[in-house]
């Protein structure tokens, strides 16, 4: 896999807050791909990428020297993903594989095809160390040396984790998905359907009436808005001038969502999505991924039956 980028920050180039900002913009989709597969959720992954970005910005402001910014940034994201997994209290802490013997390092398109075919929930069946190694090599194309630097593991440990992870992933692809389908209660289904219907009919006055007074909007990677007046004016005003969206109620990674499709796109693929939370029957928060379309890549998207 070719990761050559003429704009890549070199080890000899100055690395400061401005250089970090450029690197974060360029790498954000790749960081998200990694974290989504580590966490099994495109939504949780964006939270972790944001957390990692803040940590990176704080670190650059300090005295530490950074010789390989891209690998360092992936290491920050890797550690943030592990922290998130530990907070879930469902995954063991990353173990020490130093005692594992050296194993061959098979490469080839077959492993990349298997990784590409795996849904996010399938990666969650791999232990953490194996999951990270498979994602970094077979999804993102990093070398053994780079993976070792990102994960803090020796080359023998990376090879062992990669070998075992590929075997486990191949077996997991043949295992049935025994999870129950996502479902909504009648009240939540009705609220979501009403919001979608009013959005698609461009009835923004009716949408304003559905907002809580202290509603908060996050336009992911762009800005945050607070309060019904600001949301009604700026947020709905911008949507009223756009014609590249049509929403459907559904699930993204098994969470209720508004799924946007571009009516001008003949493939009708999901373009991005929006998450709502409710309080006393009114919209309390809106998390809109319109400006972060990479987040829906690899997501489990389902219609509401």
Protein backbone atom coordinates (compact mmCIF):
# COMPACT_ATOMS: atom_id res chain seq x y z
CA UNK A 1 0.00 0.00 0.00
CA UNK A 2 1.46 3.35 -1.08
CA UNK A 3 1.31 6.05 1.56
CA UNK A 4 3.58 8.51 -0.25
CA UNK A 5 2.45 12.10 0.27
CA UNK A 6 4.45 15.03 -1.11
CA UNK A 7 3.08 17.26 1.64
CA UNK A 8 4.16 14.92 4.44
CA UNK A 9 5.89 16.72 7.30
CA UNK A 10 9.52 15.58 7.37
CA UNK A 11 11.59 14.95 10.44
CA UNK A 12 13.85 17.86 9.52
CA UNK A 13 11.02 20.38 9.03
CA UNK A 14 10.04 22.67 11.92
CA UNK A 15 7.18 21.21 13.90
CA UNK A 16 5.10 23.71 15.81
CA UNK A 17 1.40 24.40 16.42
CA UNK A 18 0.88 25.54 12.82
CA UNK A 19 2.58 22.46 11.38
CA UNK A 20 0.57 20.26 13.74
CA UNK A 21 -2.69 21.83 12.58
CA UNK A 22 -1.82 21.06 8.94
CA UNK A 23 -0.87 17.50 9.82
CA UNK A 24 -4.06 16.94 11.82
CA UNK A 25 -6.19 18.10 8.89
CA UNK A 26 -4.37 15.78 6.49
CA UNK A 27 -4.27 12.74 8.78
CA UNK A 28 -7.66 13.06 10.45
CA UNK A 29 -9.47 10.59 8.12
CA UNK A 30 -6.67 8.01 8.59
CA UNK A 31 -6.61 8.51 12.35
CA UNK A 32 -10.36 8.02 12.36
CA UNK A 33 -10.14 4.82 10.29
CA UNK A 34 -7.73 3.41 12.83
CA UNK A 35 -9.71 4.43 15.90
CA UNK A 36 -13.03 3.27 14.41
CA UNK A 37 -11.70 -0.23 13.98
CA UNK A 38 -10.04 -0.25 17.38
CA UNK A 39 -13.27 0.85 19.08
CA UNK A 40 -15.87 -0.76 16.81
CA UNK A 41 -17.70 2.55 16.34
CA UNK A 42 -17.26 5.46 13.96
CA UNK A 43 -18.93 7.74 16.50
CA UNK A 44 -16.72 6.80 19.44
CA UNK A 45 -13.72 7.04 17.11
CA UNK A 46 -14.40 10.69 16.35
CA UNK A 47 -14.53 11.39 20.08
CA UNK A 48 -11.14 9.72 20.50
CA UNK A 49 -9.63 11.56 17.54
CA UNK A 50 -10.77 14.84 19.08
CA UNK A 51 -9.28 13.80 22.43
CA UNK A 52 -6.01 12.80 20.76
CA UNK A 53 -5.88 16.10 18.86
CA UNK A 54 -6.20 18.07 22.09
CA UNK A 55 -3.46 16.00 23.72
CA UNK A 56 -1.21 16.51 20.70
CA UNK A 57 -1.75 20.27 20.72
CA UNK A 58 -0.92 20.40 24.42
CA UNK A 59 2.21 18.29 23.90
CA UNK A 60 3.51 20.44 21.04
CA UNK A 61 3.26 23.47 23.31
CA UNK A 62 5.70 21.72 25.69
CA UNK A 63 9.45 21.18 25.48
CA UNK A 64 9.47 17.64 24.03
CA UNK A 65 11.17 17.15 20.63
CA UNK A 66 9.16 15.30 17.96
CA UNK A 67 11.28 13.65 15.31
CA UNK A 68 8.58 11.75 13.38
CA UNK A 69 5.34 13.74 13.66
CA UNK A 70 3.10 11.32 11.75
CA UNK A 71 4.14 8.26 13.77
CA UNK A 72 3.96 10.32 16.95
CA UNK A 73 0.43 11.47 16.18
CA UNK A 74 -0.68 7.89 15.54
CA UNK A 75 0.92 6.90 18.84
CA UNK A 76 -1.11 9.58 20.62
CA UNK A 77 -4.30 8.32 18.92
CA UNK A 78 -3.38 4.70 19.70
CA UNK A 79 -2.96 5.49 23.39
CA UNK A 80 -6.21 7.48 23.45
CA UNK A 81 -8.03 4.52 21.88
CA UNK A 82 -6.61 2.17 24.52
CA UNK A 83 -7.73 4.56 27.24
CA UNK A 84 -11.22 4.57 25.77
CA UNK A 85 -11.30 0.77 25.70
CA UNK A 86 -10.20 0.61 29.32
CA UNK A 87 -12.93 3.04 30.27
CA UNK A 88 -15.43 0.65 28.79
CA UNK A 89 -14.11 -1.97 31.21
CA UNK A 90 -14.70 -4.64 28.59
CA UNK A 91 -11.19 -5.15 27.29
CA UNK A 92 -8.07 -6.35 29.11
CA UNK A 93 -5.08 -4.07 29.30
CA UNK A 94 -2.59 -4.47 26.48
CA UNK A 95 -0.45 -7.44 27.34
CA UNK A 96 3.24 -8.07 26.95
CA UNK A 97 4.04 -10.28 23.97
CA UNK A 98 7.81 -10.08 24.28
CA UNK A 99 8.04 -13.76 25.04
CA UNK A 100 6.45 -14.73 21.74
CA UNK A 101 8.77 -16.36 19.24
CA UNK A 102 9.63 -14.81 15.92
CA UNK A 103 7.06 -15.84 13.30
CA UNK A 104 6.96 -15.25 9.55
CA UNK A 105 5.49 -11.99 8.33
CA UNK A 106 3.18 -12.98 5.47
CA UNK A 107 2.11 -10.09 3.26
CA UNK A 108 -0.11 -9.77 0.25
CA UNK A 109 -3.36 -8.45 -1.09
CA UNK A 110 -5.37 -11.23 0.57
CA UNK A 111 -4.88 -9.76 4.04
CA UNK A 112 -5.85 -6.30 2.83
CA UNK A 113 -8.99 -7.71 1.19
CA UNK A 114 -9.96 -9.56 4.37
CA UNK A 115 -9.43 -6.44 6.48
CA UNK A 116 -11.44 -4.34 4.01
CA UNK A 117 -14.31 -6.85 4.12
CA UNK A 118 -14.52 -6.89 7.90
CA UNK A 119 -17.17 -4.79 9.59
CA UNK A 120 -16.18 -2.75 12.61
CA UNK A 121 -17.83 -5.21 15.00
CA UNK A 122 -15.71 -8.03 13.52
CA UNK A 123 -12.49 -6.26 14.52
CA UNK A 124 -13.79 -6.16 18.09
CA UNK A 125 -13.44 -9.96 18.21
CA UNK A 126 -9.65 -9.59 18.08
CA UNK A 127 -7.61 -8.94 21.23
CA UNK A 128 -6.37 -5.36 21.41
CA UNK A 129 -2.74 -5.97 20.42
CA UNK A 130 -3.75 -8.13 17.44
CA UNK A 131 -6.43 -5.65 16.39
CA UNK A 132 -4.02 -2.73 16.38
CA UNK A 133 -1.36 -4.55 14.38
CA UNK A 134 -3.81 -5.79 11.73
CA UNK A 135 -5.41 -2.36 11.30
CA UNK A 136 -2.12 -0.52 11.06
CA UNK A 137 -0.64 -2.89 8.45
CA UNK A 138 -3.59 -4.28 6.46
CA UNK A 139 -5.91 -1.26 6.57
CA UNK A 140 -3.48 1.68 6.78
CA UNK A 141 -0.35 0.18 5.24
CA UNK A 142 2.24 0.87 7.94
CA UNK A 143 5.45 -1.15 8.17
CA UNK A 144 6.50 -3.39 11.03
CA UNK A 145 8.94 -0.76 12.27
CA UNK A 146 6.27 1.94 12.17
CA UNK A 147 3.75 -0.27 13.97
CA UNK A 148 6.31 -1.01 16.67
CA UNK A 149 6.90 2.70 17.16
CA UNK A 150 3.20 3.51 17.32
CA UNK A 151 2.22 0.69 19.70
CA UNK A 152 5.43 0.60 21.74
CA UNK A 153 6.01 -3.07 20.88
CA UNK A 154 9.06 -4.99 19.70
CA UNK A 155 9.21 -6.28 16.13
CA UNK A 156 8.79 -9.92 17.26
CA UNK A 157 5.73 -8.90 19.29
CA UNK A 158 4.24 -7.03 16.33
CA UNK A 159 4.84 -9.98 14.02
CA UNK A 160 3.23 -12.38 16.46
CA UNK A 161 0.23 -10.12 16.99
CA UNK A 162 -0.13 -9.63 13.24
CA UNK A 163 0.05 -13.36 12.52
CA UNK A 164 -2.46 -14.29 15.21
CA UNK A 165 -4.72 -11.34 14.41
CA UNK A 166 -4.94 -12.25 10.74
CA UNK A 167 -5.85 -15.82 11.62
CA UNK A 168 -8.48 -14.64 14.09
CA UNK A 169 -9.91 -12.12 11.63
CA UNK A 170 -10.19 -14.78 8.92
CA UNK A 171 -12.09 -17.03 11.33
CA UNK A 172 -14.29 -14.17 12.54
CA UNK A 173 -15.37 -13.34 8.99
CA UNK A 174 -17.03 -16.76 8.82
CA UNK A 175 -18.79 -16.42 12.17
CA UNK A 176 -22.48 -15.44 12.12
CA UNK A 177 -23.52 -12.02 13.37
CA UNK A 178 -25.75 -13.04 16.26
CA UNK A 179 -26.48 -9.53 17.49
CA UNK A 180 -30.17 -8.57 17.61
CA UNK A 181 -31.15 -5.90 15.08
CA UNK A 182 -31.24 -2.34 16.43
CA UNK A 183 -34.70 -1.15 17.41
CA UNK A 184 -36.48 2.02 18.54
CA UNK A 185 -39.42 2.53 20.86
CA UNK A 186 -42.55 4.00 19.33
CA UNK A 187 -42.15 7.43 20.94
CA UNK A 188 -38.53 7.83 19.82
CA UNK A 189 -39.36 6.55 16.36
CA UNK A 190 -42.18 9.12 16.04
CA UNK A 191 -39.95 11.99 17.21
CA UNK A 192 -37.19 11.08 14.78
CA UNK A 193 -39.64 10.62 11.89
CA UNK A 194 -41.24 14.00 12.58
CA UNK A 195 -37.87 15.74 12.62
CA UNK A 196 -36.82 14.08 9.35
CA UNK A 197 -40.13 14.89 7.65
CA UNK A 198 -39.89 18.58 8.58
CA UNK A 199 -36.23 18.75 7.52
CA UNK A 200 -36.90 17.21 4.12
CA UNK A 201 -39.88 19.53 3.54
CA UNK A 202 -37.58 22.44 4.46
CA UNK A 203 -40.03 23.55 7.14
CA UNK A 204 -37.40 25.21 9.30
CA UNK A 205 -39.97 27.15 11.30
CA UNK A 206 -41.47 23.87 12.48
CA UNK A 207 -37.99 22.54 13.25
CA UNK A 208 -37.26 25.61 15.39
CA UNK A 209 -40.31 24.78 17.48
CA UNK A 210 -38.80 21.36 18.23
CA UNK A 211 -35.62 22.85 19.72
CA UNK A 212 -34.98 23.30 23.42
CA UNK A 213 -34.13 26.87 24.43
CA UNK A 214 -30.56 25.84 25.36
CA UNK A 215 -30.05 23.48 22.40
CA UNK A 216 -26.42 22.85 21.47
CA UNK A 217 -25.09 22.01 18.00
CA UNK A 218 -21.71 20.56 17.17
CA UNK A 219 -20.71 20.82 13.53
CA UNK A 220 -17.92 18.26 13.78
CA UNK A 221 -14.49 19.67 12.80
CA UNK A 222 -16.01 23.15 12.32
CA UNK A 223 -17.82 24.92 15.16
CA UNK A 224 -20.27 24.77 18.05
CA UNK A 225 -23.50 26.73 18.42
CA UNK A 226 -25.62 27.27 21.50
CA UNK A 227 -29.18 28.41 22.05
CA UNK A 228 -32.31 28.35 19.92
CA UNK A 229 -31.69 31.78 18.39
CA UNK A 230 -28.17 31.00 17.14
CA UNK A 231 -29.10 27.53 15.95
CA UNK A 232 -32.23 28.80 14.19
CA UNK A 233 -30.37 31.56 12.40
CA UNK A 234 -26.94 30.20 11.47
CA UNK A 235 -27.48 26.45 11.41
CA UNK A 236 -30.87 26.19 9.75
CA UNK A 237 -30.02 29.22 7.61
CA UNK A 238 -27.05 27.39 6.10
CA UNK A 239 -29.15 24.28 5.45
CA UNK A 240 -31.87 26.35 3.81
CA UNK A 241 -29.35 27.47 1.19
CA UNK A 242 -28.06 23.94 0.42
CA UNK A 243 -29.68 21.38 -1.85
CA UNK A 244 -27.26 18.46 -1.61
CA UNK A 245 -29.06 16.59 1.17
CA UNK A 246 -32.06 14.38 1.79
CA UNK A 247 -32.45 12.69 5.17
CA UNK A 248 -33.76 9.28 6.18
CA UNK A 249 -34.26 7.98 9.71
CA UNK A 250 -32.00 5.04 10.49
CA UNK A 251 -29.19 3.67 12.59
CA UNK A 252 -25.45 4.39 12.39
CA UNK A 253 -23.43 1.89 14.39
CA UNK A 254 -26.77 0.87 15.95
CA UNK A 255 -27.52 4.38 17.22
CA UNK A 256 -30.59 6.33 16.02
CA UNK A 257 -29.52 8.84 13.39
CA UNK A 258 -30.55 10.99 10.46
CA UNK A 259 -28.75 9.58 7.43
CA UNK A 260 -28.02 12.11 4.67
CA UNK A 261 -27.85 11.19 1.02
CA UNK A 262 -27.07 13.52 -1.86
CA UNK A 263 -30.09 13.50 -4.21
CA UNK A 264 -27.70 14.34 -7.07
CA UNK A 265 -25.58 11.22 -6.41
CA UNK A 266 -26.90 8.33 -8.55
CA UNK A 267 -25.35 5.77 -6.17
CA UNK A 268 -27.46 7.13 -3.30
CA UNK A 269 -24.70 6.13 -0.88
CA UNK A 270 -24.86 7.59 2.64
CA UNK A 271 -22.96 10.89 2.59
CA UNK A 272 -22.95 11.73 6.30
CA UNK A 273 -25.23 11.60 9.32
CA UNK A 274 -26.59 13.52 12.27
CA UNK A 275 -27.25 12.48 15.87
CA UNK A 276 -29.94 14.01 18.08
CA UNK A 277 -30.58 13.83 21.80
CA UNK A 278 -33.87 14.77 23.38
CA UNK A 279 -35.00 16.32 26.65
CA UNK A 280 -38.67 16.60 27.59
CA UNK A 281 -39.69 15.94 23.99
CA UNK A 282 -37.43 18.67 22.54
CA UNK A 283 -34.10 18.48 20.72
CA UNK A 284 -31.36 19.13 23.30
CA UNK A 285 -28.24 18.42 21.21
CA UNK A 286 -27.42 17.99 17.53
CA UNK A 287 -24.17 16.43 16.39
CA UNK A 288 -23.85 16.99 12.66
CA UNK A 289 -21.10 15.24 10.63
CA UNK A 290 -21.75 17.17 7.39
CA UNK A 291 -18.19 18.54 7.34
CA UNK A 292 -16.64 15.23 8.45
CA UNK A 293 -17.88 12.79 5.76
CA UNK A 294 -14.99 10.40 6.48
CA UNK A 295 -16.72 9.40 9.73
CA UNK A 296 -19.40 7.35 7.96
CA UNK A 297 -16.77 5.28 6.12
CA UNK A 298 -17.03 1.72 7.37
CA UNK A 299 -20.01 2.47 9.59
CA UNK A 300 -22.83 -0.01 10.04
CA UNK A 301 -25.81 1.81 8.47
CA UNK A 302 -29.31 0.39 8.77
CA UNK A 303 -32.76 1.67 7.86
CA UNK A 304 -35.53 1.72 10.43
CA UNK A 305 -37.90 -1.07 9.53
